Protein backbone atom coordinates (compact mmCIF):
# COMPACT_ATOMS: atom_id res chain seq x y z
CA MET A 1 -13.46 -10.84 3.50
CA VAL A 2 -13.16 -7.20 3.12
CA ARG A 3 -14.50 -5.00 4.86
CA LEU A 4 -14.53 -1.15 5.78
CA ASP A 5 -12.52 -0.17 9.35
CA PRO A 6 -13.38 3.74 9.62
CA THR A 7 -11.02 3.72 12.79
CA GLY A 8 -8.00 1.93 10.98
CA ARG A 9 -7.35 -0.38 14.05
CA ALA A 10 -8.14 -3.18 12.67
CA ASN A 11 -5.65 -6.48 12.77
CA GLY A 12 -4.86 -7.34 9.27
CA ARG A 13 -4.18 -6.14 5.51
CA GLY A 14 -5.33 -2.71 4.75
CA ALA A 15 -5.52 0.26 2.14
CA TYR A 16 -6.30 3.79 2.31
CA VAL A 17 -8.80 5.43 0.37
CA CYS A 18 -10.06 8.80 0.19
CA ARG A 19 -13.27 9.70 1.57
CA ASP A 20 -14.72 10.98 -1.97
CA LEU A 21 -17.37 9.65 -3.55
CA GLU A 22 -15.13 9.54 -7.36
CA CYS A 23 -11.88 8.16 -5.67
CA ILE A 24 -13.60 5.31 -4.37
CA THR A 25 -15.46 4.60 -7.19
CA ASN A 26 -12.06 4.66 -9.21
CA ALA A 27 -10.26 2.92 -6.58
CA VAL A 28 -13.00 -0.70 -6.89
CA VAL A 29 -13.07 0.22 -10.94
CA ARG A 30 -10.44 0.70 -11.85
CA GLY A 31 -8.71 -2.45 -9.53
CA THR A 32 -6.45 -0.42 -7.70
CA LEU A 33 -8.03 -1.25 -4.47
CA GLY A 34 -7.98 -5.01 -5.45
CA ARG A 35 -4.37 -5.23 -6.54
CA ALA A 36 -3.43 -3.54 -2.67
CA LEU A 37 -5.25 -6.27 -0.81
CA GLU A 38 -3.93 -8.85 -3.25
CA THR A 39 -7.90 -10.11 -3.43
CA THR A 40 -10.61 -9.84 -5.48
CA LEU A 41 -13.19 -7.58 -4.49
CA PRO A 42 -17.41 -8.04 -3.76
CA ALA A 43 -19.32 -6.53 -6.61
CA THR A 44 -21.31 -4.52 -3.38
CA LEU A 45 -18.37 -3.09 -2.15
CA ARG A 46 -17.96 0.88 -4.39
CA ASP A 47 -21.74 0.56 -2.64
CA GLU A 48 -20.75 -0.20 0.83
CA LEU A 49 -18.37 2.24 0.68
CA ALA A 50 -20.19 4.66 -0.99
CA GLY A 51 -22.71 4.65 1.62
CA ALA A 52 -20.17 5.33 4.68
CA ILE A 53 -19.30 8.27 3.80
CA PRO A 54 -20.88 10.14 5.66
CA ASP A 55 -20.00 7.59 8.58
CA LEU A 56 -15.99 8.05 7.98
CA ASN A 57 -15.70 11.33 10.10
CA VAL A 58 -14.30 10.03 13.23
CA GLN A 59 -12.88 11.30 15.41
CA GLY A 60 -8.67 11.93 16.12
CA GLY A 61 -7.71 11.33 12.03
CA ALA A 62 -7.09 7.66 10.22
CA ARG A 63 -6.00 6.45 13.57
CA GLY A 64 -7.55 7.62 16.03
CA GLN A 65 -4.48 9.18 17.33
CA GLU A 66 -4.34 12.76 15.17
């Protein structure tokens, strides 16, 4: 299962993707995100990540400690 973790604290395998729509699109379309996670990505993932961009402004940095 692939899901967004804006806190960076979830257990399991993860990959960082910048908070820019073009970066997210490239990571999904070019397959770099799927290779990093070593799994097949759902077809709807790009839209889910793109829709979450405003929600990614989490205080404290990617790991909540910065």
